Amino acid sequence: MESELAKNEKDYIRIYEEKGYNSSFHFKDEKLINNTSKKAYKPKDINVVAEHRFEGMSNPSDMSILYVIETNKNEKGTFLLAYGPSADLDTAEFFKNIPKSNMSNDKNINQNN
C-alpha cells in the first residue's frame, strides 16, 4: 500500500503532489480560487476524487479534512479544511454543496487500485 508512510496531512499532500495534484486553492466570496491561475470555481465545477480525515494527535478536537480535487478546467490539487470547533463554516458549506455525483474516492491512495 502506497500510503503506509503517510501519517499526517503533509505526508498525504506530498504523495498527491507526486501524482500531479499540485494546485493549491483558497476560498473567497463563495468560490474556490486557484492560487496560481486565479481561476474561480463554484461547487458544481469541483470533483472530489479522494478525501482524508485527520484528528490531532495531542488534541482530538484539532480535526481536518484533506480534499483531493479536480476542476472542470483540468486543474488538480488539494484543499485542507479544518472541521469541528475550529471550522470555517462558509468553506465547509461550499464543500457540502458539491453535487454528490461529483464526489468519489477513485484516486484515494489508501485503496487498492
C-alpha atoms as a PDB file:
ATOM      1  CA  MET A   1       0.000   0.000   0.000  1.00  0.00           C
ATOM      2  CA  GLU A   2       1.470   3.286  -1.119  1.00  0.00           C
ATOM      3  CA  SER A   3       0.372   5.376   1.848  1.00  0.00           C
ATOM      4  CA  GLU A   4       1.853   3.239   4.634  1.00  0.00           C
ATOM      5  CA  LEU A   5       4.285   6.045   5.478  1.00  0.00           C
ATOM      6  CA  ALA A   6       1.628   8.758   5.337  1.00  0.00           C
ATOM      7  CA  LYS A   7       0.952   9.846   8.892  1.00  0.00           C
ATOM      8  CA  ASN A   8      -0.399  13.366   8.634  1.00  0.00           C
ATOM      9  CA  GLU A   9      -1.757  15.948   6.251  1.00  0.00           C
ATOM     10  CA  LYS A  10       1.677  16.995   4.958  1.00  0.00           C
ATOM     11  CA  ASP A  11       2.577  13.392   4.085  1.00  0.00           C
ATOM     12  CA  TYR A  12      -0.653  12.933   2.153  1.00  0.00           C
ATOM     13  CA  ILE A  13      -0.275  16.258   0.339  1.00  0.00           C
ATOM     14  CA  ARG A  14       3.267  15.297  -0.706  1.00  0.00           C
ATOM     15  CA  ILE A  15       2.083  11.935  -2.070  1.00  0.00           C
ATOM     16  CA  TYR A  16      -0.731  13.563  -4.040  1.00  0.00           C
ATOM     17  CA  GLU A  17       1.648  16.235  -5.372  1.00  0.00           C
ATOM     18  CA  GLU A  18       3.837  13.418  -6.718  1.00  0.00           C
ATOM     19  CA  LYS A  19       0.713  12.176  -8.542  1.00  0.00           C
ATOM     20  CA  GLY A  20       0.165  15.572 -10.205  1.00  0.00           C
ATOM     21  CA  TYR A  21      -2.171  17.245  -7.696  1.00  0.00           C
ATOM     22  CA  ASN A  22      -0.031  20.372  -7.497  1.00  0.00           C
ATOM     23  CA  SER A  23      -2.560  23.199  -7.444  1.00  0.00           C
ATOM     24  CA  SER A  24      -3.447  24.889  -4.197  1.00  0.00           C
ATOM     25  CA  PHE A  25      -6.669  26.769  -3.608  1.00  0.00           C
ATOM     26  CA  HIS A  26      -8.222  29.257  -1.225  1.00  0.00           C
ATOM     27  CA  PHE A  27     -11.851  30.086  -0.512  1.00  0.00           C
ATOM     28  CA  LYS A  28     -13.204  33.576  -1.089  1.00  0.00           C
ATOM     29  CA  ASP A  29     -16.611  35.042  -1.927  1.00  0.00           C
ATOM     30  CA  GLU A  30     -18.309  31.633  -2.109  1.00  0.00           C
ATOM     31  CA  LYS A  31     -15.767  30.315  -4.640  1.00  0.00           C
ATOM     32  CA  LEU A  32     -12.678  28.123  -4.576  1.00  0.00           C
ATOM     33  CA  ILE A  33      -9.834  30.019  -6.253  1.00  0.00           C
ATOM     34  CA  ASN A  34      -6.639  28.534  -7.657  1.00  0.00           C
ATOM     35  CA  ASN A  35      -3.744  30.397  -6.015  1.00  0.00           C
ATOM     36  CA  THR A  36      -1.683  30.404  -9.230  1.00  0.00           C
ATOM     37  CA  SER A  37      -4.105  30.619 -12.167  1.00  0.00           C
ATOM     38  CA  LYS A  38      -6.653  32.700 -10.193  1.00  0.00           C
ATOM     39  CA  LYS A  39      -9.477  30.687 -11.805  1.00  0.00           C
ATOM     40  CA  ALA A  40     -12.571  30.611  -9.587  1.00  0.00           C
ATOM     41  CA  TYR A  41     -14.852  27.612  -9.121  1.00  0.00           C
ATOM     42  CA  LYS A  42     -18.352  27.046  -7.827  1.00  0.00           C
ATOM     43  CA  PRO A  43     -19.272  23.753  -6.143  1.00  0.00           C
ATOM     44  CA  LYS A  44     -20.610  22.271  -9.401  1.00  0.00           C
ATOM     45  CA  ASP A  45     -17.180  22.858 -11.034  1.00  0.00           C
ATOM     46  CA  ILE A  46     -15.310  20.697  -8.485  1.00  0.00           C
ATOM     47  CA  ASN A  47     -14.833  16.931  -8.438  1.00  0.00           C
ATOM     48  CA  VAL A  48     -13.603  15.482  -5.153  1.00  0.00           C
ATOM     49  CA  VAL A  49     -11.676  12.318  -6.068  1.00  0.00           C
ATOM     50  CA  ALA A  50     -10.488  11.471  -2.541  1.00  0.00           C
ATOM     51  CA  GLU A  51     -10.784  12.754   0.980  1.00  0.00           C
ATOM     52  CA  HIS A  52      -8.905  12.029   4.179  1.00  0.00           C
ATOM     53  CA  ARG A  53      -9.947  12.937   7.712  1.00  0.00           C
ATOM     54  CA  PHE A  54      -7.396  13.675  10.413  1.00  0.00           C
ATOM     55  CA  GLU A  55      -7.567  14.069  14.179  1.00  0.00           C
ATOM     56  CA  GLY A  56      -4.928  15.946  16.118  1.00  0.00           C
ATOM     57  CA  MET A  57      -2.561  13.616  17.970  1.00  0.00           C
ATOM     58  CA  SER A  58      -2.315  15.816  21.057  1.00  0.00           C
ATOM     59  CA  ASN A  59      -5.803  17.303  20.816  1.00  0.00           C
ATOM     60  CA  PRO A  60      -8.569  15.230  19.176  1.00  0.00           C
ATOM     61  CA  SER A  61     -10.615  18.396  18.630  1.00  0.00           C
ATOM     62  CA  ASP A  62      -7.976  19.528  16.086  1.00  0.00           C
ATOM     63  CA  MET A  63      -9.650  17.940  13.089  1.00  0.00           C
ATOM     64  CA  SER A  64      -9.217  18.460   9.374  1.00  0.00           C
ATOM     65  CA  ILE A  65     -10.233  17.044   6.022  1.00  0.00           C
ATOM     66  CA  LEU A  66      -7.899  16.901   3.045  1.00  0.00           C
ATOM     67  CA  TYR A  67      -9.869  17.122  -0.189  1.00  0.00           C
ATOM     68  CA  VAL A  68      -8.172  15.924  -3.372  1.00  0.00           C
ATOM     69  CA  ILE A  69      -9.861  17.770  -6.210  1.00  0.00           C
ATOM     70  CA  GLU A  70     -10.057  18.039  -9.962  1.00  0.00           C
ATOM     71  CA  THR A  71     -11.765  21.008 -11.581  1.00  0.00           C
ATOM     72  CA  ASN A  72     -13.782  21.319 -14.762  1.00  0.00           C
ATOM     73  CA  LYS A  73     -10.775  23.223 -16.194  1.00  0.00           C
ATOM     74  CA  ASN A  74      -8.420  20.255 -15.611  1.00  0.00           C
ATOM     75  CA  GLU A  75      -6.667  21.737 -12.599  1.00  0.00           C
ATOM     76  CA  LYS A  76      -5.740  19.156  -9.963  1.00  0.00           C
ATOM     77  CA  GLY A  77      -4.825  19.881  -6.383  1.00  0.00           C
ATOM     78  CA  THR A  78      -5.654  19.661  -2.717  1.00  0.00           C
ATOM     79  CA  PHE A  79      -7.545  21.704  -0.167  1.00  0.00           C
ATOM     80  CA  LEU A  80      -7.140  21.282   3.582  1.00  0.00           C
ATOM     81  CA  LEU A  81     -10.192  22.231   5.629  1.00  0.00           C
ATOM     82  CA  ALA A  82     -10.409  22.384   9.414  1.00  0.00           C
ATOM     83  CA  TYR A  83     -13.600  20.954  10.832  1.00  0.00           C
ATOM     84  CA  GLY A  84     -15.102  20.616  14.233  1.00  0.00           C
ATOM     85  CA  PRO A  85     -14.854  23.542  16.663  1.00  0.00           C
ATOM     86  CA  SER A  86     -12.344  25.439  14.508  1.00  0.00           C
ATOM     87  CA  ALA A  87     -14.186  25.006  11.191  1.00  0.00           C
ATOM     88  CA  ASP A  88     -14.750  27.846   8.755  1.00  0.00           C
ATOM     89  CA  LEU A  89     -18.471  27.361   8.238  1.00  0.00           C
ATOM     90  CA  ASP A  90     -18.636  29.124   4.847  1.00  0.00           C
ATOM     91  CA  THR A  91     -15.891  26.931   3.393  1.00  0.00           C
ATOM     92  CA  ALA A  92     -17.465  23.812   4.909  1.00  0.00           C
ATOM     93  CA  GLU A  93     -20.783  24.785   3.327  1.00  0.00           C
ATOM     94  CA  PHE A  94     -19.056  25.155  -0.065  1.00  0.00           C
ATOM     95  CA  PHE A  95     -17.796  21.561   0.108  1.00  0.00           C
ATOM     96  CA  LYS A  96     -21.183  20.374   1.357  1.00  0.00           C
ATOM     97  CA  ASN A  97     -22.738  21.918  -1.767  1.00  0.00           C
ATOM     98  CA  ILE A  98     -20.567  19.952  -4.201  1.00  0.00           C
ATOM     99  CA  PRO A  99     -23.015  17.667  -6.025  1.00  0.00           C
ATOM    100  CA  LYS A 100     -22.946  14.069  -4.791  1.00  0.00           C
ATOM    101  CA  SER A 101     -22.332  12.995  -8.393  1.00  0.00           C
ATOM    102  CA  ASN A 102     -19.012  14.915  -8.221  1.00  0.00           C
ATOM    103  CA  MET A 103     -17.834  13.011  -5.151  1.00  0.00           C
ATOM    104  CA  SER A 104     -15.831   9.806  -5.393  1.00  0.00           C
ATOM    105  CA  ASN A 105     -12.900   8.074  -3.782  1.00  0.00           C
ATOM    106  CA  ASP A 106     -11.454   6.902  -7.108  1.00  0.00           C
ATOM    107  CA  LYS A 107      -7.982   8.370  -6.520  1.00  0.00           C
ATOM    108  CA  ASN A 108      -7.707   7.569  -2.807  1.00  0.00           C
ATOM    109  CA  ILE A 109      -4.141   6.386  -2.141  1.00  0.00           C
ATOM    110  CA  ASN A 110      -5.385   4.137   0.669  1.00  0.00           C
ATOM    111  CA  GLN A 111      -7.408   1.980  -1.703  1.00  0.00           C
ATOM    112  CA  ASN A 112      -6.065  -0.801  -3.871  1.00  0.00           C
ATOM    113  CA  ASN A 113      -6.431   0.487  -7.426  1.00  0.00           C
END
